[in-house]
């Protein structure tokens, strides 16, 4: 389902591109290749520029209160007699 929706979005982008650029005759397959190359180069550039900034966040602990039993949990217990 996700791939179908992605394909619909890409086809809509292709249709808009062809509508706005009437002087260029681009095929859908070539358009998809250019979009893929663009995404890959963008990810590469982003990873190269942020390689020094990539650090894992420090482990943060959540303060916890002492463990307490809920009130009334054992008040209504019945004693079972051997049958």
PDB file of N, CA and C in Angstrom:
ATOM      1  N   UNK A   1       0.824  -1.181   0.000  1.00  0.00           N
ATOM      2  CA  UNK A   1       0.000   0.000   0.000  1.00  0.00           C
ATOM      3  C   UNK A   1       0.884   1.266   0.000  1.00  0.00           C
ATOM      4  N   UNK A   2       1.935   1.227   0.794  1.00  0.00           N
ATOM      5  CA  UNK A   2       2.828   2.386   0.879  1.00  0.00           C
ATOM      6  C   UNK A   2       3.506   2.643  -0.461  1.00  0.00           C
ATOM      7  N   UNK A   3       3.951   1.573  -1.112  1.00  0.00           N
ATOM      8  CA  UNK A   3       4.613   1.734  -2.405  1.00  0.00           C
ATOM      9  C   UNK A   3       3.642   2.261  -3.459  1.00  0.00           C
ATOM     10  N   UNK A   4       2.394   1.830  -3.389  1.00  0.00           N
ATOM     11  CA  UNK A   4       1.385   2.326  -4.317  1.00  0.00           C
ATOM     12  C   UNK A   4       1.184   3.831  -4.127  1.00  0.00           C
ATOM     13  N   UNK A   5       1.073   4.264  -2.866  1.00  0.00           N
ATOM     14  CA  UNK A   5       0.881   5.692  -2.590  1.00  0.00           C
ATOM     15  C   UNK A   5       2.112   6.508  -2.996  1.00  0.00           C
ATOM     16  N   UNK A   6       3.290   5.942  -2.783  1.00  0.00           N
ATOM     17  CA  UNK A   6       4.515   6.626  -3.205  1.00  0.00           C
ATOM     18  C   UNK A   6       4.554   6.760  -4.720  1.00  0.00           C
ATOM     19  N   UNK A   7       4.147   5.702  -5.425  1.00  0.00           N
ATOM     20  CA  UNK A   7       4.116   5.743  -6.880  1.00  0.00           C
ATOM     21  C   UNK A   7       3.102   6.782  -7.363  1.00  0.00           C
ATOM     22  N   UNK A   8       1.954   6.871  -6.705  1.00  0.00           N
ATOM     23  CA  UNK A   8       0.948   7.886  -7.075  1.00  0.00           C
ATOM     24  C   UNK A   8       1.514   9.290  -6.891  1.00  0.00           C
ATOM     25  N   UNK A   9       2.211   9.513  -5.781  1.00  0.00           N
ATOM     26  CA  UNK A   9       2.796  10.830  -5.521  1.00  0.00           C
ATOM     27  C   UNK A   9       3.861  11.169  -6.570  1.00  0.00           C
ATOM     28  N   UNK A  10       4.677  10.187  -6.917  1.00  0.00           N
ATOM     29  CA  UNK A  10       5.715  10.425  -7.927  1.00  0.00           C
ATOM     30  C   UNK A  10       5.099  10.690  -9.304  1.00  0.00           C
ATOM     31  N   UNK A  11       4.045   9.965  -9.641  1.00  0.00           N
ATOM     32  CA  UNK A  11       3.409  10.203 -10.928  1.00  0.00           C
ATOM     33  C   UNK A  11       2.777  11.592 -10.977  1.00  0.00           C
ATOM     34  N   UNK A  12       2.160  12.007  -9.863  1.00  0.00           N
ATOM     35  CA  UNK A  12       1.589  13.355  -9.811  1.00  0.00           C
ATOM     36  C   UNK A  12       2.682  14.412  -9.962  1.00  0.00           C
ATOM     37  N   UNK A  13       3.835  14.180  -9.343  1.00  0.00           N
ATOM     38  CA  UNK A  13       4.956  15.115  -9.477  1.00  0.00           C
ATOM     39  C   UNK A  13       5.444  15.148 -10.919  1.00  0.00           C
ATOM     40  N   UNK A  14       5.491  13.981 -11.558  1.00  0.00           N
ATOM     41  CA  UNK A  14       5.898  13.901 -12.956  1.00  0.00           C
ATOM     42  C   UNK A  14       4.913  14.668 -13.848  1.00  0.00           C
ATOM     43  N   UNK A  15       3.638  14.510 -13.588  1.00  0.00           N
ATOM     44  CA  UNK A  15       2.624  15.198 -14.384  1.00  0.00           C
ATOM     45  C   UNK A  15       2.753  16.713 -14.233  1.00  0.00           C
ATOM     46  N   UNK A  16       2.967  17.176 -13.008  1.00  0.00           N
ATOM     47  CA  UNK A  16       3.144  18.618 -12.775  1.00  0.00           C
ATOM     48  C   UNK A  16       4.418  19.103 -13.464  1.00  0.00           C
ATOM     49  N   UNK A  17       5.492  18.327 -13.367  1.00  0.00           N
ATOM     50  CA  UNK A  17       6.763  18.694 -14.008  1.00  0.00           C
ATOM     51  C   UNK A  17       6.587  18.837 -15.512  1.00  0.00           C
ATOM     52  N   UNK A  18       5.911  17.872 -16.146  1.00  0.00           N
ATOM     53  CA  UNK A  18       5.694  17.937 -17.595  1.00  0.00           C
ATOM     54  C   UNK A  18       4.782  19.094 -17.975  1.00  0.00           C
ATOM     55  N   UNK A  19       3.816  19.408 -17.110  1.00  0.00           N
ATOM     56  CA  UNK A  19       2.914  20.525 -17.390  1.00  0.00           C
ATOM     57  C   UNK A  19       3.654  21.852 -17.336  1.00  0.00           C
ATOM     58  N   UNK A  20       4.548  21.997 -16.367  1.00  0.00           N
ATOM     59  CA  UNK A  20       5.285  23.253 -16.210  1.00  0.00           C
ATOM     60  C   UNK A  20       6.439  23.382 -17.200  1.00  0.00           C
ATOM     61  N   UNK A  21       7.002  22.265 -17.627  1.00  0.00           N
ATOM     62  CA  UNK A  21       8.135  22.277 -18.564  1.00  0.00           C
ATOM     63  C   UNK A  21       7.696  21.655 -19.882  1.00  0.00           C
ATOM     64  N   UNK A  22       6.934  22.405 -20.645  1.00  0.00           N
ATOM     65  CA  UNK A  22       6.402  21.864 -21.901  1.00  0.00           C
ATOM     66  C   UNK A  22       7.471  21.698 -22.975  1.00  0.00           C
ATOM     67  N   UNK A  23       8.589  22.419 -22.837  1.00  0.00           N
ATOM     68  CA  UNK A  23       9.635  22.320 -23.859  1.00  0.00           C
ATOM     69  C   UNK A  23      10.515  21.085 -23.670  1.00  0.00           C
ATOM     70  N   UNK A  24      10.437  20.410 -22.522  1.00  0.00           N
ATOM     71  CA  UNK A  24      11.244  19.215 -22.266  1.00  0.00           C
ATOM     72  C   UNK A  24      10.375  17.974 -22.431  1.00  0.00           C
ATOM     73  N   UNK A  25      10.884  17.020 -23.165  1.00  0.00           N
ATOM     74  CA  UNK A  25      10.199  15.735 -23.343  1.00  0.00           C
ATOM     75  C   UNK A  25      10.893  14.702 -22.461  1.00  0.00           C
ATOM     76  N   UNK A  26      10.367  14.483 -21.291  1.00  0.00           N
ATOM     77  CA  UNK A  26      10.965  13.558 -20.332  1.00  0.00           C
ATOM     78  C   UNK A  26      10.026  12.363 -20.182  1.00  0.00           C
ATOM     79  N   UNK A  27      10.609  11.168 -20.182  1.00  0.00           N
ATOM     80  CA  UNK A  27       9.821   9.965 -19.957  1.00  0.00           C
ATOM     81  C   UNK A  27       9.727   9.705 -18.459  1.00  0.00           C
ATOM     82  N   UNK A  28       8.679   8.996 -18.078  1.00  0.00           N
ATOM     83  CA  UNK A  28       8.422   8.720 -16.649  1.00  0.00           C
ATOM     84  C   UNK A  28       9.580   7.955 -16.009  1.00  0.00           C
ATOM     85  N   UNK A  29      10.114   6.967 -16.711  1.00  0.00           N
ATOM     86  CA  UNK A  29      11.222   6.174 -16.173  1.00  0.00           C
ATOM     87  C   UNK A  29      12.450   7.040 -15.929  1.00  0.00           C
ATOM     88  N   UNK A  30      12.770   7.923 -16.851  1.00  0.00           N
ATOM     89  CA  UNK A  30      13.909   8.831 -16.668  1.00  0.00           C
ATOM     90  C   UNK A  30      13.659   9.799 -15.515  1.00  0.00           C
ATOM     91  N   UNK A  31      12.422  10.242 -15.385  1.00  0.00           N
ATOM     92  CA  UNK A  31      12.065  11.128 -14.275  1.00  0.00           C
ATOM     93  C   UNK A  31      12.296  10.424 -12.936  1.00  0.00           C
ATOM     94  N   UNK A  32      11.872   9.147 -12.850  1.00  0.00           N
ATOM     95  CA  UNK A  32      12.063   8.387 -11.605  1.00  0.00           C
ATOM     96  C   UNK A  32      13.546   8.208 -11.293  1.00  0.00           C
ATOM     97  N   UNK A  33      14.365   7.959 -12.314  1.00  0.00           N
ATOM     98  CA  UNK A  33      15.805   7.816 -12.089  1.00  0.00           C
ATOM     99  C   UNK A  33      16.411   9.117 -11.572  1.00  0.00           C
ATOM    100  N   UNK A  34      15.992  10.224 -12.133  1.00  0.00           N
ATOM    101  CA  UNK A  34      16.524  11.513 -11.678  1.00  0.00           C
ATOM    102  C   UNK A  34      16.087  11.826 -10.250  1.00  0.00           C
ATOM    103  N   UNK A  35      14.866  11.511  -9.917  1.00  0.00           N
ATOM    104  CA  UNK A  35      14.393  11.722  -8.538  1.00  0.00           C
ATOM    105  C   UNK A  35      15.196  10.853  -7.582  1.00  0.00           C
ATOM    106  N   UNK A  36      15.420   9.587  -7.950  1.00  0.00           N
ATOM    107  CA  UNK A  36      16.216   8.693  -7.101  1.00  0.00           C
ATOM    108  C   UNK A  36      17.637   9.187  -6.919  1.00  0.00           C
ATOM    109  N   UNK A  37      18.256   9.620  -7.996  1.00  0.00           N
ATOM    110  CA  UNK A  37      19.621  10.173  -7.898  1.00  0.00           C
ATOM    111  C   UNK A  37      19.645  11.412  -7.013  1.00  0.00           C
ATOM    112  N   UNK A  38      18.637  12.227  -7.136  1.00  0.00           N
ATOM    113  CA  UNK A  38      18.558  13.440  -6.333  1.00  0.00           C
ATOM    114  C   UNK A  38      18.444  13.102  -4.851  1.00  0.00           C
ATOM    115  N   UNK A  39      17.588  12.127  -4.521  1.00  0.00           N
ATOM    116  CA  UNK A  39      17.425  11.730  -3.117  1.00  0.00           C
ATOM    117  C   UNK A  39      18.716  11.137  -2.562  1.00  0.00           C
ATOM    118  N   UNK A  40      19.388  10.310  -3.351  1.00  0.00           N
ATOM    119  CA  UNK A  40      20.623   9.683  -2.886  1.00  0.00           C
ATOM    120  C   UNK A  40      21.706  10.732  -2.655  1.00  0.00           C
ATOM    121  N   UNK A  41      21.864  11.670  -3.591  1.00  0.00           N
ATOM    122  CA  UNK A  41      22.894  12.690  -3.420  1.00  0.00           C
ATOM    123  C   UNK A  41      22.570  13.598  -2.238  1.00  0.00           C
ATOM    124  N   UNK A  42      21.301  13.849  -1.998  1.00  0.00           N
ATOM    125  CA  UNK A  42      20.922  14.675  -0.848  1.00  0.00           C
ATOM    126  C   UNK A  42      21.268  13.978   0.461  1.00  0.00           C
ATOM    127  N   UNK A  43      21.018  12.679   0.536  1.00  0.00           N
ATOM    128  CA  UNK A  43      21.344  11.921   1.746  1.00  0.00           C
ATOM    129  C   UNK A  43      22.852  11.865   1.940  1.00  0.00           C
ATOM    130  N   UNK A  44      23.599  11.661   0.853  1.00  0.00           N
ATOM    131  CA  UNK A  44      25.070  11.637   0.959  1.00  0.00           C
ATOM    132  C   UNK A  44      25.598  12.970   1.460  1.00  0.00           C
ATOM    133  N   UNK A  45      25.116  14.061   0.883  1.00  0.00           N
ATOM    134  CA  UNK A  45      25.581  15.386   1.299  1.00  0.00           C
ATOM    135  C   UNK A  45      25.232  15.655   2.747  1.00  0.00           C
ATOM    136  N   UNK A  46      24.060  15.243   3.151  1.00  0.00           N
ATOM    137  CA  UNK A  46      23.636  15.478   4.524  1.00  0.00           C
ATOM    138  C   UNK A  46      24.485  14.665   5.493  1.00  0.00           C
ATOM    139  N   UNK A  47      24.790  13.408   5.132  1.00  0.00           N
ATOM    140  CA  UNK A  47      25.583  12.567   6.026  1.00  0.00           C
ATOM    141  C   UNK A  47      27.034  13.034   6.086  1.00  0.00           C
ATOM    142  N   UNK A  48      27.579  13.546   4.975  1.00  0.00           N
ATOM    143  CA  UNK A  48      28.956  14.041   4.985  1.00  0.00           C
ATOM    144  C   UNK A  48      29.078  15.320   5.803  1.00  0.00           C
ATOM    145  N   UNK A  49      28.097  16.195   5.707  1.00  0.00           N
ATOM    146  CA  UNK A  49      28.183  17.460   6.433  1.00  0.00           C
ATOM    147  C   UNK A  49      27.903  17.281   7.917  1.00  0.00           C
ATOM    148  N   UNK A  50      27.136  16.258   8.281  1.00  0.00           N
ATOM    149  CA  UNK A  50      26.791  16.055   9.681  1.00  0.00           C
ATOM    150  C   UNK A  50      27.545  14.903  10.317  1.00  0.00           C
ATOM    151  N   UNK A  51      28.597  14.409   9.691  1.00  0.00           N
ATOM    152  CA  UNK A  51      29.305  13.250  10.232  1.00  0.00           C
ATOM    153  C   UNK A  51      29.946  13.574  11.581  1.00  0.00           C
ATOM    154  N   UNK A  52      30.389  14.805  11.788  1.00  0.00           N
ATOM    155  CA  UNK A  52      30.977  15.178  13.066  1.00  0.00           C
ATOM    156  C   UNK A  52      29.908  15.422  14.120  1.00  0.00           C
ATOM    157  N   UNK A  53      28.716  15.768  13.677  1.00  0.00           N
ATOM    158  CA  UNK A  53      27.652  16.098  14.614  1.00  0.00           C
ATOM    159  C   UNK A  53      26.872  14.883  15.081  1.00  0.00           C
ATOM    160  N   UNK A  54      27.087  13.729  14.444  1.00  0.00           N
ATOM    161  CA  UNK A  54      26.315  12.554  14.804  1.00  0.00           C
ATOM    162  C   UNK A  54      26.842  11.965  16.097  1.00  0.00           C
ATOM    163  N   UNK A  55      26.097  12.157  17.152  1.00  0.00           N
ATOM    164  CA  UNK A  55      26.454  11.600  18.440  1.00  0.00           C
ATOM    165  C   UNK A  55      25.185  11.069  19.081  1.00  0.00           C
ATOM    166  N   UNK A  56      25.346   9.963  19.781  1.00  0.00           N
ATOM    167  CA  UNK A  56      24.194   9.416  20.470  1.00  0.00           C
ATOM    168  C   UNK A  56      23.872  10.283  21.682  1.00  0.00           C
ATOM    169  N   UNK A  57      22.610  10.476  21.958  1.00  0.00           N
ATOM    170  CA  UNK A  57      22.273  11.269  23.143  1.00  0.00           C
ATOM    171  C   UNK A  57      22.674  10.519  24.405  1.00  0.00           C
ATOM    172  N   UNK A  58      22.985  11.276  25.431  1.00  0.00           N
ATOM    173  CA  UNK A  58      23.365  10.662  26.694  1.00  0.00           C
ATOM    174  C   UNK A  58      22.168   9.923  27.270  1.00  0.00           C
ATOM    175  N   UNK A  59      22.478   8.809  27.914  1.00  0.00           N
ATOM    176  CA  UNK A  59      21.409   8.008  28.499  1.00  0.00           C
ATOM    177  C   UNK A  59      20.832   8.752  29.689  1.00  0.00           C
ATOM    178  N   UNK A  60      19.547   8.940  29.636  1.00  0.00           N
ATOM    179  CA  UNK A  60      18.871   9.637  30.725  1.00  0.00           C
ATOM    180  C   UNK A  60      18.020   8.629  31.479  1.00  0.00           C
ATOM    181  N   UNK A  61      18.102   8.697  32.771  1.00  0.00           N
ATOM    182  CA  UNK A  61      17.293   7.796  33.583  1.00  0.00           C
ATOM    183  C   UNK A  61      16.081   8.547  34.102  1.00  0.00           C
ATOM    184  N   UNK A  62      15.026   7.817  34.253  1.00  0.00           N
ATOM    185  CA  UNK A  62      13.791   8.394  34.770  1.00  0.00           C
ATOM    186  C   UNK A  62      13.741   8.146  36.263  1.00  0.00           C
ATOM    187  N   UNK A  63      13.560   9.201  37.058  1.00  0.00           N
ATOM    188  CA  UNK A  63      13.472   8.977  38.505  1.00  0.00           C
ATOM    189  C   UNK A  63      12.200   8.198  38.831  1.00  0.00           C
ATOM    190  N   UNK A  64      12.366   7.222  39.678  1.00  0.00           N
ATOM    191  CA  UNK A  64      11.225   6.400  40.073  1.00  0.00           C
ATOM    192  C   UNK A  64      11.050   6.471  41.579  1.00  0.00           C
ATOM    193  N   UNK A  65       9.809   6.476  41.960  1.00  0.00           N
ATOM    194  CA  UNK A  65       9.496   6.483  43.381  1.00  0.00           C
ATOM    195  C   UNK A  65       9.603   5.087  43.964  1.00  0.00           C
ATOM    196  N   UNK A  66       9.515   4.967  45.280  1.00  0.00           N
ATOM    197  CA  UNK A  66       9.586   3.645  45.898  1.00  0.00           C
ATOM    198  C   UNK A  66       8.368   2.809  45.503  1.00  0.00           C
ATOM    199  N   UNK A  67       8.574   1.514  45.389  1.00  0.00           N
ATOM    200  CA  UNK A  67       7.483   0.633  45.013  1.00  0.00           C
ATOM    201  C   UNK A  67       6.541   0.466  46.192  1.00  0.00           C
ATOM    202  N   UNK A  68       5.279   0.735  45.929  1.00  0.00           N
ATOM    203  CA  UNK A  68       4.265   0.617  46.989  1.00  0.00           C
ATOM    204  C   UNK A  68       3.103  -0.201  46.444  1.00  0.00           C
ATOM    205  N   UNK A  69       2.527  -1.004  47.300  1.00  0.00           N
ATOM    206  CA  UNK A  69       1.353  -1.765  46.915  1.00  0.00           C
ATOM    207  C   UNK A  69       0.143  -0.836  46.914  1.00  0.00           C
ATOM    208  N   UNK A  70      -0.770  -1.019  45.980  1.00  0.00           N
ATOM    209  CA  UNK A  70      -1.966  -0.190  45.980  1.00  0.00           C
ATOM    210  C   UNK A  70      -2.777  -0.416  47.250  1.00  0.00           C
ATOM    211  N   UNK A  71      -3.412   0.631  47.766  1.00  0.00           N
ATOM    212  CA  UNK A  71      -4.187   0.464  49.006  1.00  0.00           C
ATOM    213  C   UNK A  71      -5.370  -0.475  48.776  1.00  0.00           C
ATOM    214  N   UNK A  72      -5.607  -1.330  49.765  1.00  0.00           N
ATOM    215  CA  UNK A  72      -6.762  -2.210  49.721  1.00  0.00           C
ATOM    216  C   UNK A  72      -6.575  -3.454  48.881  1.00  0.00           C
ATOM    217  N   UNK A  73      -5.399  -3.700  48.429  1.00  0.00           N
ATOM    218  CA  UNK A  73      -5.196  -4.855  47.553  1.00  0.00           C
ATOM    219  C   UNK A  73      -5.383  -6.179  48.287  1.00  0.00           C
ATOM    220  N   UNK A  74      -4.892  -6.255  49.499  1.00  0.00           N
ATOM    221  CA  UNK A  74      -4.974  -7.504  50.245  1.00  0.00           C
ATOM    222  C   UNK A  74      -6.018  -7.459  51.347  1.00  0.00           C
ATOM    223  N   UNK A  75      -6.880  -6.482  51.397  1.00  0.00           N
ATOM    224  CA  UNK A  75      -7.858  -6.366  52.455  1.00  0.00           C
ATOM    225  C   UNK A  75      -9.023  -7.362  52.286  1.00  0.00           C
ATOM    226  N   UNK A  76      -9.398  -7.676  51.069  1.00  0.00           N
ATOM    227  CA  UNK A  76     -10.568  -8.516  50.836  1.00  0.00           C
ATOM    228  C   UNK A  76     -10.201  -9.971  50.515  1.00  0.00           C
ATOM    229  N   UNK A  77      -9.027 -10.389  50.926  1.00  0.00           N
ATOM    230  CA  UNK A  77      -8.655 -11.774  50.654  1.00  0.00           C
ATOM    231  C   UNK A  77      -9.381 -12.687  51.626  1.00  0.00           C
ATOM    232  N   UNK A  78      -9.801 -13.813  51.127  1.00  0.00           N
ATOM    233  CA  UNK A  78     -10.517 -14.778  51.961  1.00  0.00           C
ATOM    234  C   UNK A  78      -9.579 -15.923  52.290  1.00  0.00           C
ATOM    235  N   UNK A  79      -9.787 -16.479  53.452  1.00  0.00           N
ATOM    236  CA  UNK A  79      -9.014 -17.628  53.860  1.00  0.00           C
ATOM    237  C   UNK A  79      -9.756 -18.867  53.404  1.00  0.00           C
ATOM    238  N   UNK A  80      -9.111 -19.684  52.640  1.00  0.00           N
ATOM    239  CA  UNK A  80      -9.744 -20.902  52.154  1.00  0.00           C
ATOM    240  C   UNK A  80      -9.467 -22.042  53.133  1.00  0.00           C
ATOM    241  N   UNK A  81     -10.514 -22.779  53.430  1.00  0.00           N
ATOM    242  CA  UNK A  81     -10.368 -23.924  54.324  1.00  0.00           C
ATOM    243  C   UNK A  81     -10.213 -25.184  53.484  1.00  0.00           C
ATOM    244  N   UNK A  82      -9.512 -26.114  54.009  1.00  0.00           N
ATOM    245  CA  UNK A  82      -9.358 -27.393  53.310  1.00  0.00           C
ATOM    246  C   UNK A  82     -10.709 -28.087  53.249  1.00  0.00           C
ATOM    247  N   UNK A  83     -11.083 -28.605  52.121  1.00  0.00           N
ATOM    248  CA  UNK A  83     -12.372 -29.283  51.963  1.00  0.00           C
ATOM    249  C   UNK A  83     -12.295 -30.717  52.368  1.00  0.00           C
TER     250      UNK A  83
END
